[in-house]
Protein backbone atom coordinates (compact mmCIF):
# COMPACT_ATOMS: atom_id res chain seq x y z
CA MET A 1 -17.07 62.85 26.50
CA ILE A 2 -13.68 61.61 25.32
CA ASP A 3 -11.85 59.48 27.85
CA LEU A 4 -8.16 60.40 27.73
CA LYS A 5 -7.07 57.25 29.53
CA ASN A 6 -5.11 54.72 27.49
CA THR A 7 -3.89 57.35 25.05
CA LYS A 8 -0.44 57.71 23.55
CA LYS A 9 0.89 60.73 21.69
CA ILE A 10 1.79 59.94 18.10
CA LYS A 11 3.92 61.72 15.54
CA GLY A 12 1.91 64.38 13.77
CA ASP A 13 2.40 66.36 10.59
CA ALA A 14 3.90 69.79 9.98
CA SER A 15 0.80 71.53 11.34
CA PHE A 16 -0.41 73.04 14.61
CA ARG A 17 -2.37 69.91 15.55
CA THR A 18 -1.53 67.28 18.17
CA PHE A 19 -2.47 63.62 17.74
CA PHE A 20 -3.07 60.81 20.23
CA ARG A 21 -3.95 57.15 19.66
CA LYS A 22 -6.53 55.84 22.11
CA THR A 23 -6.77 52.10 22.69
CA LYS A 24 -9.66 50.45 24.50
CA ASN A 25 -10.97 46.87 24.33
CA ASN A 26 -8.59 46.08 21.46
CA LYS A 27 -10.05 48.95 19.43
CA SER A 28 -8.26 52.17 18.62
CA SER A 29 -9.14 55.69 17.53
CA ILE A 30 -7.28 58.94 16.95
CA ILE A 31 -7.82 62.05 19.05
CA VAL A 32 -6.94 65.34 17.37
CA PHE A 33 -6.32 68.51 19.37
CA THR A 34 -5.90 71.96 17.90
CA LYS A 35 -5.52 75.45 19.33
CA LYS A 36 -8.86 77.13 19.99
CA GLU A 37 -8.10 79.88 17.48
CA LYS A 38 -7.53 77.19 14.83
CA ARG A 39 -10.53 75.02 15.66
CA LYS A 40 -12.39 76.05 12.47
CA ASN A 41 -9.96 73.72 10.71
CA LEU A 42 -11.64 70.79 12.45
CA LEU A 43 -14.91 71.70 10.71
CA ILE A 44 -13.11 71.86 7.36
CA TYR A 45 -11.42 68.52 8.05
CA ASP A 46 -14.76 66.95 8.93
CA GLY A 47 -16.46 68.37 5.85
CA ILE A 48 -13.80 67.14 3.44
CA ASN A 49 -13.62 63.68 5.01
CA LYS A 50 -17.40 63.42 4.65
CA ILE A 51 -17.11 64.31 0.95
CA LEU A 52 -14.53 61.55 0.49
CA LEU A 53 -16.55 58.98 2.44
CA LYS A 54 -19.71 59.90 0.53
CA ASN A 55 -17.83 59.11 -2.69
CA ASN A 56 -16.51 55.74 -1.43
CA ILE A 57 -12.97 56.95 -0.69
CA VAL A 58 -11.42 55.64 2.55
CA ALA A 59 -10.97 58.51 5.02
CA PRO A 60 -11.32 58.79 8.82
CA LYS A 61 -14.90 58.75 10.11
CA LEU A 62 -15.83 61.13 12.90
CA PHE A 63 -16.71 59.46 16.23
CA PHE A 64 -16.98 62.41 18.60
CA GLU A 65 -16.37 66.15 18.73
CA LYS A 66 -15.87 68.72 21.45
CA TYR A 67 -15.59 71.80 19.27
CA SER A 68 -15.47 74.20 22.20
CA LYS A 69 -12.26 72.47 23.32
CA GLY A 70 -10.73 72.16 19.84
CA LEU A 71 -10.94 68.38 19.94
CA ILE A 72 -12.30 65.55 17.78
CA GLU A 73 -12.09 61.75 17.90
CA ILE A 74 -11.82 60.00 14.54
CA GLU A 75 -11.36 56.56 13.05
CA ASP A 76 -7.87 55.07 13.22
CA LEU A 77 -6.72 54.01 9.75
CA GLY A 78 -3.72 52.19 11.20
CA GLU A 79 -0.03 52.89 11.54
CA LYS A 80 1.27 51.82 8.13
CA THR A 81 1.66 54.51 5.47
CA VAL A 82 2.20 53.80 1.79
CA PHE A 83 5.54 55.56 2.28
CA GLN A 84 6.56 52.79 4.70
CA ILE A 85 5.42 50.09 2.26
CA LEU A 86 7.51 51.62 -0.52
CA LYS A 87 10.58 51.64 1.74
CA ASN A 88 10.49 47.84 1.74
CA LYS A 89 12.98 46.86 -0.96
CA LYS A 90 11.15 43.60 -1.62
CA ILE A 91 8.02 45.47 -2.70
CA ASN A 92 7.25 46.02 -6.39
CA GLN A 93 7.08 49.81 -6.39
CA GLN A 94 5.40 49.94 -9.77
CA ILE A 95 2.37 48.03 -8.46
CA ILE A 96 2.08 50.29 -5.41
CA PHE A 97 2.37 53.47 -7.47
CA LYS A 98 -0.28 52.19 -9.86
CA ARG A 99 -2.60 51.79 -6.89
CA THR A 100 -1.90 55.34 -5.72
CA ILE A 101 -2.72 56.63 -9.20
CA GLN A 102 -5.91 54.57 -9.25
CA LEU A 103 -6.83 56.21 -5.93
CA LEU A 104 -6.09 59.62 -7.45
CA ASN A 105 -8.25 58.74 -10.42
CA ASN A 106 -11.11 57.91 -8.07
CA ILE A 107 -10.93 61.14 -6.08
CA GLN A 108 -10.80 63.12 -9.31
CA LYS A 109 -14.16 61.60 -10.26
CA ILE A 110 -15.80 63.15 -7.20
CA LYS A 111 -18.85 65.19 -8.20
CA ASP A 112 -21.13 64.96 -5.15
CA ILE A 113 -19.67 67.50 -2.71
CA LYS A 114 -22.79 68.41 -0.72
CA VAL A 115 -22.25 67.59 2.96
CA LYS A 116 -22.86 69.07 6.39
CA THR A 117 -20.20 69.41 9.08
CA PHE A 118 -20.72 68.22 12.65
CA LYS A 119 -22.10 71.72 13.41
CA ASN A 120 -24.85 70.98 10.87
CA GLN A 121 -23.46 73.62 8.51
CA ASP A 122 -23.24 73.17 4.74
CA TYR A 123 -19.62 72.74 3.70
CA HIS A 124 -18.48 74.37 0.46
CA LEU A 125 -15.21 73.44 -1.22
CA GLU A 126 -13.41 76.58 -2.35
CA LYS A 127 -11.72 77.08 -5.72
CA TYR A 128 -7.93 76.78 -5.96
CA SER A 129 -7.72 80.34 -7.24
CA LYS A 130 -4.77 82.13 -8.82
CA LYS A 131 -4.65 84.25 -5.67
CA ILE A 132 -4.13 81.15 -3.50
CA LEU A 133 -1.47 79.75 -5.87
CA LEU A 134 0.39 83.08 -5.76
CA LYS A 135 0.16 83.28 -1.98
CA GLU A 136 1.54 79.76 -1.63
CA ALA A 137 4.45 80.12 -4.05
CA SER A 138 5.28 83.49 -2.46
CA LEU A 139 6.16 81.66 0.77
CA PHE A 140 9.52 81.06 -0.93
CA CYS A 141 10.00 84.85 -1.08
CA ASN A 142 8.62 85.47 2.40
CA TRP A 143 10.74 82.93 4.27
CA TYR A 144 13.53 81.35 2.23
CA THR A 145 15.03 84.32 0.38
CA PRO A 146 15.31 86.51 3.54
CA LYS A 147 17.21 83.65 5.16
CA VAL A 148 19.79 83.21 2.39
CA LEU A 149 20.10 86.56 0.56
CA ASN A 150 21.58 89.84 1.75
CA LYS A 151 19.32 92.88 2.08
CA LYS A 152 20.83 94.51 -1.00
CA ASN A 153 19.64 91.72 -3.30
CA LEU A 154 16.51 90.68 -1.42
CA LEU A 155 13.98 93.29 -2.60
CA ILE A 156 14.74 93.16 -6.33
CA THR A 157 15.05 89.36 -6.30
CA ASN A 158 11.66 88.95 -4.63
CA LEU A 159 10.05 91.41 -7.06
CA ASN A 160 11.46 89.49 -10.03
CA LEU A 161 10.50 86.13 -8.55
CA LYS A 162 6.90 87.19 -7.91
CA LYS A 163 6.65 88.58 -11.43
CA GLN A 164 7.72 85.20 -12.84
CA ILE A 165 5.41 83.30 -10.51
CA LYS A 166 2.47 85.41 -11.74
CA LEU A 167 3.44 84.75 -15.36
CA LEU A 168 3.63 81.01 -14.73
CA ILE A 169 0.20 81.02 -13.07
CA LYS A 170 -1.20 82.89 -16.08
CA SER A 171 0.31 80.21 -18.33
CA LEU A 172 -1.82 77.44 -16.81
CA LYS A 173 -4.21 76.07 -19.43
CA LEU A 174 -6.62 73.73 -17.62
CA LYS A 175 -9.72 74.71 -15.64
CA ASN A 176 -10.18 74.52 -11.88
CA ASP A 177 -12.88 71.85 -11.96
CA THR A 178 -11.43 68.84 -10.08
CA PHE A 179 -11.24 67.70 -6.45
CA VAL A 180 -7.65 68.40 -5.35
CA HIS A 181 -6.31 66.90 -2.11
CA ARG A 182 -3.42 69.39 -2.28
CA ASP A 183 -0.98 67.17 -0.39
CA PHE A 184 -1.40 63.94 -2.33
CA HIS A 185 1.75 61.98 -1.55
CA VAL A 186 2.58 58.58 -0.10
CA SER A 187 3.06 59.84 3.47
CA ASN A 188 -0.60 60.91 3.49
CA MET A 189 -1.92 57.53 2.38
CA MET A 190 -2.61 54.81 4.91
CA TYR A 191 -2.62 51.10 4.12
CA ASN A 192 -5.39 49.43 6.10
CA LYS A 193 -7.29 46.18 5.40
CA ASN A 194 -5.81 46.00 1.90
CA GLU A 195 -7.15 49.46 1.08
CA PHE A 196 -5.45 52.83 0.61
CA GLY A 197 -7.00 55.61 2.68
CA LEU A 198 -6.37 59.35 2.76
CA ILE A 199 -5.38 61.51 5.73
CA ASP A 200 -4.37 65.17 6.10
CA THR A 201 -7.29 66.13 3.88
CA GLN A 202 -8.16 69.55 5.32
CA ASP A 203 -6.53 71.58 2.53
CA ALA A 204 -8.62 70.12 -0.30
CA LEU A 205 -10.01 72.50 -2.93
CA ILE A 206 -11.52 72.42 -6.41
CA GLY A 207 -8.56 72.99 -8.70
CA ASN A 208 -6.34 71.91 -11.58
CA ILE A 209 -6.44 68.22 -12.48
CA ALA A 210 -2.62 68.14 -12.79
CA TYR A 211 -1.87 69.32 -9.24
CA ASP A 212 -2.23 66.12 -7.24
CA LEU A 213 -0.26 64.07 -9.76
CA ALA A 214 2.55 66.63 -9.48
CA SER A 215 2.40 66.19 -5.68
CA LEU A 216 2.71 62.43 -6.04
CA VAL A 217 5.32 62.22 -8.81
CA ASP A 218 7.54 65.04 -7.54
CA ASP A 219 7.17 64.15 -3.87
CA VAL A 220 9.90 65.82 -1.83
CA ARG A 221 9.64 63.14 0.88
CA PHE A 222 10.12 60.09 -1.33
CA LYS A 223 12.76 60.02 -4.06
CA THR A 224 11.98 58.34 -7.36
CA SER A 225 13.98 57.98 -10.57
CA LEU A 226 13.12 59.96 -13.70
CA ASN A 227 12.12 56.67 -15.31
CA GLN A 228 9.70 55.95 -12.46
CA LYS A 229 8.28 59.48 -12.65
CA ASN A 230 7.66 59.15 -16.39
CA ARG A 231 6.01 55.75 -15.95
CA MET A 232 3.64 57.22 -13.38
CA ILE A 233 2.68 60.09 -15.66
CA ASP A 234 2.20 57.73 -18.61
CA TYR A 235 0.01 55.40 -16.55
CA TYR A 236 -2.14 58.30 -15.36
CA LEU A 237 -2.61 59.55 -18.93
CA LYS A 238 -3.43 56.02 -20.06
CA LEU A 239 -6.25 55.96 -17.49
CA ASN A 240 -7.42 59.37 -18.70
CA PRO A 241 -7.31 59.40 -22.52
CA GLN A 242 -9.80 62.28 -22.57
CA ILE A 243 -7.21 64.71 -21.19
CA ASP A 244 -5.38 67.06 -23.57
CA LYS A 245 -1.83 65.77 -23.04
CA GLU A 246 -0.04 68.96 -24.09
CA LYS A 247 -2.11 71.16 -21.79
CA PHE A 248 -1.77 68.64 -18.98
CA LYS A 249 2.02 68.37 -19.25
CA ASN A 250 2.29 72.18 -19.44
CA ASP A 251 0.33 72.56 -16.21
CA PHE A 252 2.03 69.60 -14.52
CA VAL A 253 5.52 71.12 -14.75
CA ILE A 254 4.35 74.60 -13.75
CA LEU A 255 2.46 73.32 -10.72
CA SER A 256 5.36 71.07 -9.70
CA VAL A 257 7.77 74.02 -9.69
CA LEU A 258 5.34 76.31 -7.86
CA ARG A 259 4.63 73.58 -5.32
CA ASN A 260 8.29 72.96 -4.57
CA LEU A 261 9.01 76.67 -4.22
CA LYS A 262 6.13 76.71 -1.72
CA ILE A 263 7.55 73.68 0.08
CA ILE A 264 10.99 75.28 0.45
CA GLY A 265 9.25 78.33 1.94
CA ILE A 266 7.13 76.23 4.31
CA PHE A 267 10.04 74.13 5.54
CA THR A 268 12.09 77.29 6.16
CA ARG A 269 9.16 78.84 8.05
CA LEU A 270 8.82 75.71 10.19
CA SER A 271 12.46 76.10 11.18
CA VAL A 272 12.56 79.88 11.70
CA ARG A 273 9.15 80.46 13.26
CA ASP A 274 8.25 77.12 14.85
CA LYS A 275 11.72 75.74 15.67
CA LYS A 276 10.95 72.54 13.73
CA ASN A 277 14.25 71.87 11.98
CA ASN A 278 13.71 68.28 10.87
CA TYR A 279 12.19 69.37 7.54
CA LEU A 280 15.28 71.31 6.45
CA LYS A 281 16.95 68.11 5.25
CA LEU A 282 14.28 67.80 2.55
CA ILE A 283 15.04 71.18 0.94
CA PRO A 284 17.98 69.95 -1.23
CA TYR A 285 15.70 67.41 -2.95
CA ALA A 286 13.06 70.10 -3.48
CA TRP A 287 15.75 72.04 -5.36
CA GLN A 288 16.57 68.92 -7.40
CA LEU A 289 12.91 68.62 -8.38
CA ILE A 290 12.81 72.28 -9.42
CA ASN A 291 15.95 71.72 -11.49
CA LEU A 292 14.41 68.69 -13.14
CA ARG A 293 11.37 70.65 -14.32
CA ILE A 294 12.91 74.01 -15.28
CA ASN A 295 15.82 72.66 -17.32
CA LYS A 296 15.19 72.30 -21.06
CA ASN A 297 11.79 73.96 -20.75
CA LYS A 298 11.45 77.38 -22.38
CA ILE A 299 8.58 78.49 -20.19
CA PHE A 300 11.00 78.67 -17.23
CA GLU A 301 13.90 80.49 -18.94
CA GLN A 302 13.52 83.77 -17.03
CA LEU A 303 12.83 82.05 -13.72
CA LYS A 304 15.87 79.86 -14.27
CA GLU A 305 18.08 82.92 -14.79
CA ILE A 306 16.82 84.55 -11.58
CA LEU A 307 17.39 81.37 -9.57
CA LYS A 308 20.77 80.72 -11.18
CA SER A 309 21.96 84.28 -10.43
CA ASN A 310 20.85 84.28 -6.81
CA PHE A 311 21.12 80.62 -5.83
CA PRO A 312 24.03 79.38 -7.98
CA ASN A 313 24.72 76.36 -5.79
CA LYS A 314 21.11 75.20 -6.10
CA ILE A 315 20.38 75.56 -9.81
CA LYS A 316 22.33 73.09 -11.92
CA ILE A 317 22.41 73.71 -15.66
């Protein structure tokens, strides 16, 4: 049984989970609580972490579970994120970003995905299907547009947006054959014992090889220059000469735009539904990232016109 003495609540993510750090005999662990109706996510989290650990990627080990109570105890990977390291102006960002891309390269080599959860059930990674991509990008239409558009324009705008989202998804060229963390950015990487470890892994799927690099390079939480973004992409492609560069760059920009539309929708939902307003400040940079990718790219011409007509203060030409 988990002893809740000597525990301290710690800042969590944008999810429904609650986190505590437990300290005993100079050793620490993390206790994760979730609502009973969401406890299946703990099985998913355990399964994906076991896949990572099996493939020599640093991720939290499971110490104890009380599934009936929606509770697990896991390894503590420390308090320092790669985001915090990069905030140190004395740090050579290029070296740190190279290490994050090396980590990405390692998780994309994962082939052995056969594991059992703590309920002794086989865990199967799902495919990052077109249906899931559409559902995610449509969060922009479900939450953001109703908040900022009048009812007269809302219906037709959402219809046009979803049509363009579907066309962009159809324009993806690479297969869904790669382990995708799905939230691969520097806030979800822990620096511990000179190693980079991954947290917030429960959304992982088998998907497009360009997705996680788009998450890292066009990270809404950590601003980088265009020069830095290009250097990261170039370094990744240097590590992966087997990749078709044209197909990869096509999919990279599409997935970046779809992801940031999704993020704007999620951050709006967190505010409207969950009363978590601290993510709203990140929305302007998400718009900047969308601008960066849709400008001077013919594949986005119709989407750009829709966004420019309905969100003129957001789309800069």
